[in-house]
Amino acid sequence: MLKNKVVLVTGGTGSFGKKFIYKALELGVKKIIIFSRDELKQYEMKQEIQDERLRFFIGDVRDVQRLERAFDGVDIVIHAAAMKHVDACEYNPFEAIKTNIQGAQNIVEAAINQGVEKIIALSTDKACSPVNLYGATKLASDKLFVAANSYVGDKKTRFAVVRYGNVVGSRGSVAPFFKKMRETGVIPITDERMTRFWITLDQGVQFVVDSLERMYGGEIFVPKIPSMNIMDLAKAIAPDCKYEIIGIRPGEKLHEAMILEDDARHTVEFDTYYVIQPEFPWWSNSFAVGGKKLPDGFSYTSDKNKDWLDKNELLKVLGYLE
């Protein structure tokens, strides 16, 4: 799918963006454009990745005219730009809406106008039954990208969404925070019962690449990934530290979900992933051939997951951060 294609990544200097760019170069892209608003991070990436196929484009997803200029001649867009820190979104709600919702609308309009072939937008488990503004903006974003397939008319442009859980080692994630706090001898724990879905950057990037191959337009792809308990993670990272229970923060869930009962009615299951199918008149179940329907009452949540990482498995995954 990526070979000899022109690919653009919004938020391309972020944790996912950098890892995806390495993968895309390895898979033989013709050109890859890093679209972001931080010139320092772009400068640093130029020093780190020296490849003649890289292009750097300063811009903001809030600026639809800049997006249209950037999308000229682009085959595939990976939309990874977002305000993603829960507390920052709670404190700056107007800014979160401008970036995560209006930015999504701008991506849709620019992609259709410029005839981009495929767009994958990155989502989050927090978009499923959201309790914080970040999750609510990403839910709205997901709805925009799914509905965008009805706006394209006879054009070739197609949109899909990838939804997964906490990414090991991404900026602001809990594992690097625990490693830093280990030096103090005290690890703050919000709630001992807390669980989260767990995926590495490499797995997330590969899932996006695979979803580009599979998509028809309108799907939300959800990988089957393990859960972990917050105390198991703390003990794996800092077994000799004390643990201080500080309580759940505003806008935080005890457990996360990626598929709930209402979505499960139009979701199909494959060996390693689920597809939440759009409810379009033109959508055909033949697009998800090989998938099986889910039983009534099905939900996919981090506390009721069948796949769990124990302390030893967490240590193995955390070796990824060393």
C-alpha atoms as a PDB file:
ATOM      1  CA  MET A   1       0.000   0.000   0.000  1.00  0.00           C
ATOM      2  CA  LEU A   2       2.805   2.459   0.823  1.00  0.00           C
ATOM      3  CA  LYS A   3       5.282   1.510  -1.884  1.00  0.00           C
ATOM      4  CA  ASN A   4       5.866   4.391  -4.326  1.00  0.00           C
ATOM      5  CA  LYS A   5       3.131   6.462  -2.653  1.00  0.00           C
ATOM      6  CA  VAL A   6       3.265  10.075  -1.470  1.00  0.00           C
ATOM      7  CA  VAL A   7       2.325   9.990   2.213  1.00  0.00           C
ATOM      8  CA  LEU A   8       1.618  12.860   4.611  1.00  0.00           C
ATOM      9  CA  VAL A   9       1.577  12.520   8.413  1.00  0.00           C
ATOM     10  CA  THR A  10      -0.060  15.227  10.511  1.00  0.00           C
ATOM     11  CA  GLY A  11       1.631  15.503  13.890  1.00  0.00           C
ATOM     12  CA  GLY A  12       4.558  13.833  12.180  1.00  0.00           C
ATOM     13  CA  THR A  13       7.125  14.828  14.833  1.00  0.00           C
ATOM     14  CA  GLY A  14       5.208  13.083  17.641  1.00  0.00           C
ATOM     15  CA  SER A  15       5.919   9.625  19.085  1.00  0.00           C
ATOM     16  CA  PHE A  16       3.706   7.778  16.602  1.00  0.00           C
ATOM     17  CA  GLY A  17       4.665  10.007  13.680  1.00  0.00           C
ATOM     18  CA  LYS A  18       8.385   9.377  14.007  1.00  0.00           C
ATOM     19  CA  LYS A  19       7.947   5.625  14.305  1.00  0.00           C
ATOM     20  CA  PHE A  20       5.560   5.564  11.349  1.00  0.00           C
ATOM     21  CA  ILE A  21       7.982   7.575   9.204  1.00  0.00           C
ATOM     22  CA  TYR A  22      10.765   5.037   9.794  1.00  0.00           C
ATOM     23  CA  LYS A  23       8.351   2.254   8.808  1.00  0.00           C
ATOM     24  CA  ALA A  24       7.127   4.076   5.694  1.00  0.00           C
ATOM     25  CA  LEU A  25      10.675   4.709   4.492  1.00  0.00           C
ATOM     26  CA  GLU A  26      11.454   1.026   5.025  1.00  0.00           C
ATOM     27  CA  LEU A  27       8.375   0.057   2.979  1.00  0.00           C
ATOM     28  CA  GLY A  28       9.473   2.152  -0.012  1.00  0.00           C
ATOM     29  CA  VAL A  29       7.381   5.323  -0.041  1.00  0.00           C
ATOM     30  CA  LYS A  30       8.057   7.707  -2.885  1.00  0.00           C
ATOM     31  CA  LYS A  31       7.871  10.746  -0.580  1.00  0.00           C
ATOM     32  CA  ILE A  32       6.748  11.361   2.989  1.00  0.00           C
ATOM     33  CA  ILE A  33       5.659  14.769   4.263  1.00  0.00           C
ATOM     34  CA  ILE A  34       5.873  15.696   7.931  1.00  0.00           C
ATOM     35  CA  PHE A  35       3.115  18.214   8.660  1.00  0.00           C
ATOM     36  CA  SER A  36       3.352  19.880  12.081  1.00  0.00           C
ATOM     37  CA  ARG A  37       3.532  23.287  13.711  1.00  0.00           C
ATOM     38  CA  ASP A  38       6.762  22.974  15.738  1.00  0.00           C
ATOM     39  CA  GLU A  39       9.779  24.046  13.689  1.00  0.00           C
ATOM     40  CA  LEU A  40      12.236  22.962  16.419  1.00  0.00           C
ATOM     41  CA  LYS A  41      10.967  19.389  16.379  1.00  0.00           C
ATOM     42  CA  GLN A  42      11.118  19.391  12.591  1.00  0.00           C
ATOM     43  CA  TYR A  43      14.698  20.662  12.717  1.00  0.00           C
ATOM     44  CA  GLU A  44      15.625  17.911  15.196  1.00  0.00           C
ATOM     45  CA  MET A  45      13.978  15.265  13.021  1.00  0.00           C
ATOM     46  CA  LYS A  46      15.941  16.472   9.994  1.00  0.00           C
ATOM     47  CA  GLN A  47      19.142  15.796  11.916  1.00  0.00           C
ATOM     48  CA  GLU A  48      17.937  12.390  13.102  1.00  0.00           C
ATOM     49  CA  ILE A  49      16.471  11.052   9.839  1.00  0.00           C
ATOM     50  CA  GLN A  50      18.463  12.041   6.795  1.00  0.00           C
ATOM     51  CA  ASP A  51      16.612  10.741   3.774  1.00  0.00           C
ATOM     52  CA  GLU A  52      15.982  12.565   0.487  1.00  0.00           C
ATOM     53  CA  ARG A  53      12.368  11.346   0.486  1.00  0.00           C
ATOM     54  CA  LEU A  54      11.483  13.446   3.547  1.00  0.00           C
ATOM     55  CA  ARG A  55       9.711  16.783   3.225  1.00  0.00           C
ATOM     56  CA  PHE A  56       8.881  19.131   6.097  1.00  0.00           C
ATOM     57  CA  PHE A  57       5.795  21.307   6.048  1.00  0.00           C
ATOM     58  CA  ILE A  58       5.075  23.818   8.826  1.00  0.00           C
ATOM     59  CA  GLY A  59       1.332  24.102   9.364  1.00  0.00           C
ATOM     60  CA  ASP A  60      -1.601  23.616  11.710  1.00  0.00           C
ATOM     61  CA  VAL A  61      -4.632  21.367  11.172  1.00  0.00           C
ATOM     62  CA  ARG A  62      -6.741  24.370  12.199  1.00  0.00           C
ATOM     63  CA  ASP A  63      -5.751  26.051   8.908  1.00  0.00           C
ATOM     64  CA  VAL A  64      -7.700  24.425   6.063  1.00  0.00           C
ATOM     65  CA  GLN A  65      -5.967  26.479   3.353  1.00  0.00           C
ATOM     66  CA  ARG A  66      -2.566  25.320   4.544  1.00  0.00           C
ATOM     67  CA  LEU A  67      -3.808  21.727   4.580  1.00  0.00           C
ATOM     68  CA  GLU A  68      -5.049  22.023   1.002  1.00  0.00           C
ATOM     69  CA  ARG A  69      -1.638  23.269  -0.092  1.00  0.00           C
ATOM     70  CA  ALA A  70       0.097  20.436   1.810  1.00  0.00           C
ATOM     71  CA  PHE A  71      -2.255  17.740   0.422  1.00  0.00           C
ATOM     72  CA  ASP A  72      -1.549  18.627  -3.212  1.00  0.00           C
ATOM     73  CA  GLY A  73      -0.318  15.444  -4.905  1.00  0.00           C
ATOM     74  CA  VAL A  74      -0.630  13.321  -1.738  1.00  0.00           C
ATOM     75  CA  ASP A  75      -1.920   9.734  -1.995  1.00  0.00           C
ATOM     76  CA  ILE A  76      -2.286   8.800   1.688  1.00  0.00           C
ATOM     77  CA  VAL A  77      -2.769  10.858   4.861  1.00  0.00           C
ATOM     78  CA  ILE A  78      -2.172   9.563   8.394  1.00  0.00           C
ATOM     79  CA  HIS A  79      -3.849  11.960  10.817  1.00  0.00           C
ATOM     80  CA  ALA A  80      -1.986  11.757  14.127  1.00  0.00           C
ATOM     81  CA  ALA A  81      -2.091  15.425  15.178  1.00  0.00           C
ATOM     82  CA  ALA A  82      -4.160  16.068  18.310  1.00  0.00           C
ATOM     83  CA  MET A  83      -4.335  17.648  21.706  1.00  0.00           C
ATOM     84  CA  LYS A  84      -4.226  14.427  23.712  1.00  0.00           C
ATOM     85  CA  HIS A  85      -3.421  15.238  27.333  1.00  0.00           C
ATOM     86  CA  VAL A  86      -6.581  14.878  29.389  1.00  0.00           C
ATOM     87  CA  ASP A  87      -5.804  17.651  31.874  1.00  0.00           C
ATOM     88  CA  ALA A  88      -4.694  20.093  29.148  1.00  0.00           C
ATOM     89  CA  CYS A  89      -7.957  19.529  27.269  1.00  0.00           C
ATOM     90  CA  GLU A  90     -10.010  20.023  30.441  1.00  0.00           C
ATOM     91  CA  TYR A  91      -8.245  23.312  31.171  1.00  0.00           C
ATOM     92  CA  ASN A  92      -8.214  24.523  27.543  1.00  0.00           C
ATOM     93  CA  PRO A  93     -11.509  23.239  26.119  1.00  0.00           C
ATOM     94  CA  PHE A  94     -11.823  25.741  23.257  1.00  0.00           C
ATOM     95  CA  GLU A  95      -8.318  24.849  22.063  1.00  0.00           C
ATOM     96  CA  ALA A  96      -9.061  21.110  22.221  1.00  0.00           C
ATOM     97  CA  ILE A  97     -12.195  21.593  20.118  1.00  0.00           C
ATOM     98  CA  LYS A  98     -10.348  23.700  17.537  1.00  0.00           C
ATOM     99  CA  THR A  99      -7.595  21.107  17.090  1.00  0.00           C
ATOM    100  CA  ASN A 100      -9.390  17.791  17.572  1.00  0.00           C
ATOM    101  CA  ILE A 101     -12.801  18.531  16.023  1.00  0.00           C
ATOM    102  CA  GLN A 102     -12.401  21.492  13.692  1.00  0.00           C
ATOM    103  CA  GLY A 103      -9.012  20.112  12.687  1.00  0.00           C
ATOM    104  CA  ALA A 104     -10.689  16.817  11.747  1.00  0.00           C
ATOM    105  CA  GLN A 105     -13.250  18.677   9.611  1.00  0.00           C
ATOM    106  CA  ASN A 106     -10.419  20.540   7.890  1.00  0.00           C
ATOM    107  CA  ILE A 107      -8.612  17.270   7.131  1.00  0.00           C
ATOM    108  CA  VAL A 108     -11.789  15.856   5.594  1.00  0.00           C
ATOM    109  CA  GLU A 109     -12.475  18.892   3.413  1.00  0.00           C
ATOM    110  CA  ALA A 110      -8.873  19.304   2.247  1.00  0.00           C
ATOM    111  CA  ALA A 111      -8.532  15.584   1.469  1.00  0.00           C
ATOM    112  CA  ILE A 112     -11.705  15.514  -0.638  1.00  0.00           C
ATOM    113  CA  ASN A 113     -10.814  18.728  -2.455  1.00  0.00           C
ATOM    114  CA  GLN A 114      -7.319  17.466  -3.299  1.00  0.00           C
ATOM    115  CA  GLY A 115      -8.360  13.915  -4.211  1.00  0.00           C
ATOM    116  CA  VAL A 116      -6.328  12.125  -1.548  1.00  0.00           C
ATOM    117  CA  GLU A 117      -6.814   8.374  -1.946  1.00  0.00           C
ATOM    118  CA  LYS A 118      -6.889   7.120   1.671  1.00  0.00           C
ATOM    119  CA  ILE A 119      -6.969   8.745   5.096  1.00  0.00           C
ATOM    120  CA  ILE A 120      -6.483   6.926   8.392  1.00  0.00           C
ATOM    121  CA  ALA A 121      -7.230   8.905  11.557  1.00  0.00           C
ATOM    122  CA  LEU A 122      -5.807   7.814  14.905  1.00  0.00           C
ATOM    123  CA  SER A 123      -8.321   7.589  17.735  1.00  0.00           C
ATOM    124  CA  THR A 124      -8.217   6.412  21.355  1.00  0.00           C
ATOM    125  CA  ASP A 125     -10.059   4.128  23.753  1.00  0.00           C
ATOM    126  CA  LYS A 126     -11.123   7.317  25.561  1.00  0.00           C
ATOM    127  CA  ALA A 127     -13.448   8.068  22.617  1.00  0.00           C
ATOM    128  CA  CYS A 128     -15.622   5.105  23.624  1.00  0.00           C
ATOM    129  CA  SER A 129     -18.263   6.383  26.076  1.00  0.00           C
ATOM    130  CA  PRO A 130     -16.123   9.422  26.957  1.00  0.00           C
ATOM    131  CA  VAL A 131     -16.032  11.005  30.423  1.00  0.00           C
ATOM    132  CA  ASN A 132     -13.501  13.751  29.625  1.00  0.00           C
ATOM    133  CA  LEU A 133     -13.277  16.427  26.951  1.00  0.00           C
ATOM    134  CA  TYR A 134     -10.362  14.747  25.189  1.00  0.00           C
ATOM    135  CA  GLY A 135     -12.423  11.581  24.713  1.00  0.00           C
ATOM    136  CA  ALA A 136     -15.465  13.618  23.651  1.00  0.00           C
ATOM    137  CA  THR A 137     -13.484  15.514  21.005  1.00  0.00           C
ATOM    138  CA  LYS A 138     -12.010  12.296  19.661  1.00  0.00           C
ATOM    139  CA  LEU A 139     -15.460  10.690  19.528  1.00  0.00           C
ATOM    140  CA  ALA A 140     -16.669  13.684  17.487  1.00  0.00           C
ATOM    141  CA  SER A 141     -13.566  13.367  15.302  1.00  0.00           C
ATOM    142  CA  ASP A 142     -14.251   9.653  14.724  1.00  0.00           C
ATOM    143  CA  LYS A 143     -17.837  10.454  13.703  1.00  0.00           C
ATOM    144  CA  LEU A 144     -16.595  13.088  11.235  1.00  0.00           C
ATOM    145  CA  PHE A 145     -14.145  10.710   9.567  1.00  0.00           C
ATOM    146  CA  VAL A 146     -16.685   7.902   9.297  1.00  0.00           C
ATOM    147  CA  ALA A 147     -19.380  10.213   7.915  1.00  0.00           C
ATOM    148  CA  ALA A 148     -16.897  11.788   5.483  1.00  0.00           C
ATOM    149  CA  ASN A 149     -17.230   8.734   3.227  1.00  0.00           C
ATOM    150  CA  SER A 150     -20.761   9.876   2.397  1.00  0.00           C
ATOM    151  CA  TYR A 151     -19.461  13.274   1.278  1.00  0.00           C
ATOM    152  CA  VAL A 152     -17.002  12.145  -1.364  1.00  0.00           C
ATOM    153  CA  GLY A 153     -19.534  11.566  -4.144  1.00  0.00           C
ATOM    154  CA  ASP A 154     -17.875   9.886  -7.093  1.00  0.00           C
ATOM    155  CA  LYS A 155     -14.348  10.726  -5.903  1.00  0.00           C
ATOM    156  CA  LYS A 156     -11.908   8.013  -4.840  1.00  0.00           C
ATOM    157  CA  THR A 157     -11.197   9.450  -1.375  1.00  0.00           C
ATOM    158  CA  ARG A 158     -11.879   7.080   1.528  1.00  0.00           C
ATOM    159  CA  PHE A 159     -11.613   7.577   5.293  1.00  0.00           C
ATOM    160  CA  ALA A 160     -11.180   5.107   8.177  1.00  0.00           C
ATOM    161  CA  VAL A 161     -10.260   5.237  11.865  1.00  0.00           C
ATOM    162  CA  VAL A 162      -7.898   3.205  14.038  1.00  0.00           C
ATOM    163  CA  ARG A 163      -8.741   3.033  17.760  1.00  0.00           C
ATOM    164  CA  TYR A 164      -6.403   1.588  20.382  1.00  0.00           C
ATOM    165  CA  GLY A 165      -5.299   2.024  24.009  1.00  0.00           C
ATOM    166  CA  ASN A 166      -2.329   3.372  25.931  1.00  0.00           C
ATOM    167  CA  VAL A 167       0.893   3.390  23.924  1.00  0.00           C
ATOM    168  CA  VAL A 168       4.020   2.234  25.758  1.00  0.00           C
ATOM    169  CA  GLY A 169       6.521   5.061  25.891  1.00  0.00           C
ATOM    170  CA  SER A 170       4.524   7.733  24.070  1.00  0.00           C
ATOM    171  CA  ARG A 171       4.782  11.283  25.338  1.00  0.00           C
ATOM    172  CA  GLY A 172       2.850  11.668  28.578  1.00  0.00           C
ATOM    173  CA  SER A 173       2.251   7.924  29.065  1.00  0.00           C
ATOM    174  CA  VAL A 174       2.470   6.369  32.507  1.00  0.00           C
ATOM    175  CA  ALA A 175       5.506   4.094  32.025  1.00  0.00           C
ATOM    176  CA  PRO A 176       8.090   6.880  31.476  1.00  0.00           C
ATOM    177  CA  PHE A 177       6.445   8.807  34.337  1.00  0.00           C
ATOM    178  CA  PHE A 178       6.850   5.868  36.728  1.00  0.00           C
ATOM    179  CA  LYS A 179      10.473   5.454  35.639  1.00  0.00           C
ATOM    180  CA  LYS A 180      11.119   9.104  36.440  1.00  0.00           C
ATOM    181  CA  MET A 181       9.336   8.935  39.804  1.00  0.00           C
ATOM    182  CA  ARG A 182      11.310   5.809  40.728  1.00  0.00           C
ATOM    183  CA  GLU A 183      14.208   8.103  41.574  1.00  0.00           C
ATOM    184  CA  THR A 184      12.154   9.690  44.388  1.00  0.00           C
ATOM    185  CA  GLY A 185      11.352   6.341  46.020  1.00  0.00           C
ATOM    186  CA  VAL A 186       7.579   6.996  45.884  1.00  0.00           C
ATOM    187  CA  ILE A 187       5.227   6.064  43.021  1.00  0.00           C
ATOM    188  CA  PRO A 188       1.842   7.870  42.977  1.00  0.00           C
ATOM    189  CA  ILE A 189      -1.060   5.518  42.189  1.00  0.00           C
ATOM    190  CA  THR A 190      -4.492   6.875  41.328  1.00  0.00           C
ATOM    191  CA  ASP A 191      -6.382   3.655  42.174  1.00  0.00           C
ATOM    192  CA  GLU A 192      -5.103   0.128  42.777  1.00  0.00           C
ATOM    193  CA  ARG A 193      -7.942  -1.369  40.695  1.00  0.00           C
ATOM    194  CA  MET A 194      -7.196   0.687  37.572  1.00  0.00           C
ATOM    195  CA  THR A 195      -6.698  -1.192  34.284  1.00  0.00           C
ATOM    196  CA  ARG A 196      -5.665  -0.081  30.818  1.00  0.00           C
ATOM    197  CA  PHE A 197      -5.212  -1.514  27.336  1.00  0.00           C
ATOM    198  CA  TRP A 198      -1.550  -1.749  26.347  1.00  0.00           C
ATOM    199  CA  ILE A 199       0.163  -1.502  22.952  1.00  0.00           C
ATOM    200  CA  THR A 200       3.697  -0.678  21.804  1.00  0.00           C
ATOM    201  CA  LEU A 201       4.478   1.986  19.217  1.00  0.00           C
ATOM    202  CA  ASP A 202       5.703  -0.677  16.794  1.00  0.00           C
ATOM    203  CA  GLN A 203       2.427  -2.577  17.135  1.00  0.00           C
ATOM    204  CA  GLY A 204       0.409   0.604  16.686  1.00  0.00           C
ATOM    205  CA  VAL A 205       2.287   1.560  13.536  1.00  0.00           C
ATOM    206  CA  GLN A 206       1.956  -1.921  12.054  1.00  0.00           C
ATOM    207  CA  PHE A 207      -1.781  -1.926  12.799  1.00  0.00           C
ATOM    208  CA  VAL A 208      -2.187   1.351  10.909  1.00  0.00           C
ATOM    209  CA  VAL A 209      -0.256  -0.048   7.922  1.00  0.00           C
ATOM    210  CA  ASP A 210      -2.409  -3.192   7.968  1.00  0.00           C
ATOM    211  CA  SER A 211      -5.616  -1.132   8.259  1.00  0.00           C
ATOM    212  CA  LEU A 212      -4.624   0.879   5.165  1.00  0.00           C
ATOM    213  CA  GLU A 213      -4.575  -2.401   3.247  1.00  0.00           C
ATOM    214  CA  ARG A 214      -7.916  -3.592   4.665  1.00  0.00           C
ATOM    215  CA  MET A 215     -10.053  -0.457   4.581  1.00  0.00           C
ATOM    216  CA  TYR A 216     -12.972   0.185   2.227  1.00  0.00           C
ATOM    217  CA  GLY A 217     -14.004   3.429   3.940  1.00  0.00           C
ATOM    218  CA  GLY A 218     -15.984   4.082   7.108  1.00  0.00           C
ATOM    219  CA  GLU A 219     -14.530   1.415   9.389  1.00  0.00           C
ATOM    220  CA  ILE A 220     -13.208   1.849  12.915  1.00  0.00           C
ATOM    221  CA  PHE A 221     -10.445  -0.753  13.336  1.00  0.00           C
ATOM    222  CA  VAL A 222      -9.780  -2.002  16.879  1.00  0.00           C
ATOM    223  CA  PRO A 223      -6.825  -4.320  17.583  1.00  0.00           C
ATOM    224  CA  LYS A 224      -6.972  -7.175  20.072  1.00  0.00           C
ATOM    225  CA  ILE A 225      -4.393  -6.093  22.642  1.00  0.00           C
ATOM    226  CA  PRO A 226      -3.657  -7.065  26.255  1.00  0.00           C
ATOM    227  CA  SER A 227      -4.699  -5.279  29.432  1.00  0.00           C
ATOM    228  CA  MET A 228      -2.537  -4.457  32.421  1.00  0.00           C
ATOM    229  CA  ASN A 229      -3.236  -3.513  36.027  1.00  0.00           C
ATOM    230  CA  ILE A 230      -1.655  -0.296  37.258  1.00  0.00           C
ATOM    231  CA  MET A 231      -0.180  -1.969  40.355  1.00  0.00           C
ATOM    232  CA  ASP A 232       1.448  -4.709  38.255  1.00  0.00           C
ATOM    233  CA  LEU A 233       3.025  -1.988  36.125  1.00  0.00           C
ATOM    234  CA  ALA A 234       4.265  -0.056  39.162  1.00  0.00           C
ATOM    235  CA  LYS A 235       5.781  -3.200  40.700  1.00  0.00           C
ATOM    236  CA  ALA A 236       7.450  -4.113  37.409  1.00  0.00           C
ATOM    237  CA  ILE A 237       9.055  -0.671  37.048  1.00  0.00           C
ATOM    238  CA  ALA A 238       9.724   0.170  40.704  1.00  0.00           C
ATOM    239  CA  PRO A 239       9.535  -2.935  42.912  1.00  0.00           C
ATOM    240  CA  ASP A 240      11.432  -1.315  45.777  1.00  0.00           C
ATOM    241  CA  CYS A 241       9.441   1.926  45.938  1.00  0.00           C
ATOM    242  CA  LYS A 242       6.572   2.910  48.187  1.00  0.00           C
ATOM    243  CA  TYR A 243       3.168   3.416  46.571  1.00  0.00           C
ATOM    244  CA  GLU A 244       1.016   6.398  47.455  1.00  0.00           C
ATOM    245  CA  ILE A 245      -2.686   6.244  46.569  1.00  0.00           C
ATOM    246  CA  ILE A 246      -3.720   9.716  45.377  1.00  0.00           C
ATOM    247  CA  GLY A 247      -7.206   9.070  43.938  1.00  0.00           C
ATOM    248  CA  ILE A 248      -8.576   9.157  40.408  1.00  0.00           C
ATOM    249  CA  ARG A 249      -7.935  12.468  38.658  1.00  0.00           C
ATOM    250  CA  PRO A 250     -10.706  14.574  37.068  1.00  0.00           C
ATOM    251  CA  GLY A 251     -11.805  13.119  33.737  1.00  0.00           C
ATOM    252  CA  GLU A 252     -10.192   9.727  34.382  1.00  0.00           C
ATOM    253  CA  LYS A 253     -11.851   6.300  34.193  1.00  0.00           C
ATOM    254  CA  LEU A 254     -11.194   3.295  36.377  1.00  0.00           C
ATOM    255  CA  HIS A 255     -11.289   1.053  33.284  1.00  0.00           C
ATOM    256  CA  GLU A 256     -11.250   1.852  29.565  1.00  0.00           C
ATOM    257  CA  ALA A 257     -13.449   0.490  26.765  1.00  0.00           C
ATOM    258  CA  MET A 258     -12.979   0.204  23.010  1.00  0.00           C
ATOM    259  CA  ILE A 259     -16.264  -1.438  22.006  1.00  0.00           C
ATOM    260  CA  LEU A 260     -19.506  -1.269  24.008  1.00  0.00           C
ATOM    261  CA  GLU A 261     -22.771  -3.134  23.457  1.00  0.00           C
ATOM    262  CA  ASP A 262     -24.399  -0.622  21.108  1.00  0.00           C
ATOM    263  CA  ASP A 263     -21.395  -0.612  18.739  1.00  0.00           C
ATOM    264  CA  ALA A 264     -20.977  -4.389  19.065  1.00  0.00           C
ATOM    265  CA  ARG A 265     -24.226  -4.958  17.171  1.00  0.00           C
ATOM    266  CA  HIS A 266     -22.553  -3.789  13.976  1.00  0.00           C
ATOM    267  CA  THR A 267     -19.025  -5.013  14.756  1.00  0.00           C
ATOM    268  CA  VAL A 268     -17.349  -8.089  13.289  1.00  0.00           C
ATOM    269  CA  GLU A 269     -14.469 -10.047  14.770  1.00  0.00           C
ATOM    270  CA  PHE A 270     -11.307 -11.302  13.085  1.00  0.00           C
ATOM    271  CA  ASP A 271      -8.406 -13.268  14.583  1.00  0.00           C
ATOM    272  CA  THR A 272      -6.401 -10.233  15.702  1.00  0.00           C
ATOM    273  CA  TYR A 273      -8.789  -7.295  15.434  1.00  0.00           C
ATOM    274  CA  TYR A 274     -12.376  -6.042  15.333  1.00  0.00           C
ATOM    275  CA  VAL A 275     -14.076  -3.849  12.737  1.00  0.00           C
ATOM    276  CA  ILE A 276     -16.831  -1.476  13.844  1.00  0.00           C
ATOM    277  CA  GLN A 277     -18.757  -1.212  10.586  1.00  0.00           C
ATOM    278  CA  PRO A 278     -20.432   2.018   9.472  1.00  0.00           C
ATOM    279  CA  GLU A 279     -24.207   2.123   9.232  1.00  0.00           C
ATOM    280  CA  PHE A 280     -24.326   3.366   5.644  1.00  0.00           C
ATOM    281  CA  PRO A 281     -26.965   2.248   3.120  1.00  0.00           C
ATOM    282  CA  TRP A 282     -24.172   1.410   0.675  1.00  0.00           C
ATOM    283  CA  TRP A 283     -22.076  -0.570   3.167  1.00  0.00           C
ATOM    284  CA  SER A 284     -21.937  -4.290   2.441  1.00  0.00           C
ATOM    285  CA  ASN A 285     -21.018  -7.050   4.875  1.00  0.00           C
ATOM    286  CA  SER A 286     -18.957  -8.486   2.029  1.00  0.00           C
ATOM    287  CA  PHE A 287     -16.446  -5.702   2.740  1.00  0.00           C
ATOM    288  CA  ALA A 288     -15.603  -7.472   6.000  1.00  0.00           C
ATOM    289  CA  VAL A 289     -15.523 -10.957   4.533  1.00  0.00           C
ATOM    290  CA  GLY A 290     -14.246 -13.552   6.977  1.00  0.00           C
ATOM    291  CA  GLY A 291     -15.387 -11.639  10.040  1.00  0.00           C
ATOM    292  CA  LYS A 292     -17.900 -13.114  12.464  1.00  0.00           C
ATOM    293  CA  LYS A 293     -20.714 -11.355  14.276  1.00  0.00           C
ATOM    294  CA  LEU A 294     -20.353 -10.703  17.984  1.00  0.00           C
ATOM    295  CA  PRO A 295     -22.748 -12.210  20.542  1.00  0.00           C
ATOM    296  CA  ASP A 296     -25.481 -10.097  22.120  1.00  0.00           C
ATOM    297  CA  GLY A 297     -24.235  -8.076  25.057  1.00  0.00           C
ATOM    298  CA  PHE A 298     -20.585  -8.153  23.925  1.00  0.00           C
ATOM    299  CA  SER A 299     -18.239  -5.415  25.112  1.00  0.00           C
ATOM    300  CA  TYR A 300     -14.475  -5.013  24.890  1.00  0.00           C
ATOM    301  CA  THR A 301     -13.187  -3.379  28.072  1.00  0.00           C
ATOM    302  CA  SER A 302      -9.820  -3.342  29.817  1.00  0.00           C
ATOM    303  CA  ASP A 303     -11.126  -4.993  33.016  1.00  0.00           C
ATOM    304  CA  LYS A 304     -12.917  -7.874  31.235  1.00  0.00           C
ATOM    305  CA  ASN A 305     -10.265  -8.546  28.632  1.00  0.00           C
ATOM    306  CA  LYS A 306      -9.214 -12.173  28.066  1.00  0.00           C
ATOM    307  CA  ASP A 307      -5.582 -11.198  27.468  1.00  0.00           C
ATOM    308  CA  TRP A 308      -3.496  -9.832  30.380  1.00  0.00           C
ATOM    309  CA  LEU A 309       0.126  -8.872  30.889  1.00  0.00           C
ATOM    310  CA  ASP A 310       1.582 -10.154  34.149  1.00  0.00           C
ATOM    311  CA  LYS A 311       4.630  -8.657  35.852  1.00  0.00           C
ATOM    312  CA  ASN A 312       7.148 -10.682  33.809  1.00  0.00           C
ATOM    313  CA  GLU A 313       5.427  -9.873  30.517  1.00  0.00           C
ATOM    314  CA  LEU A 314       5.321  -6.193  31.467  1.00  0.00           C
ATOM    315  CA  LEU A 315       9.052  -6.274  32.150  1.00  0.00           C
ATOM    316  CA  LYS A 316       9.595  -7.755  28.709  1.00  0.00           C
ATOM    317  CA  VAL A 317       7.498  -5.037  27.066  1.00  0.00           C
ATOM    318  CA  LEU A 318       9.157  -2.321  29.139  1.00  0.00           C
ATOM    319  CA  GLY A 319      12.533  -3.421  27.787  1.00  0.00           C
ATOM    320  CA  TYR A 320      11.262  -1.643  24.659  1.00  0.00           C
ATOM    321  CA  LEU A 321      11.783   1.675  26.500  1.00  0.00           C
ATOM    322  CA  GLU A 322      15.390   1.072  27.565  1.00  0.00           C
END
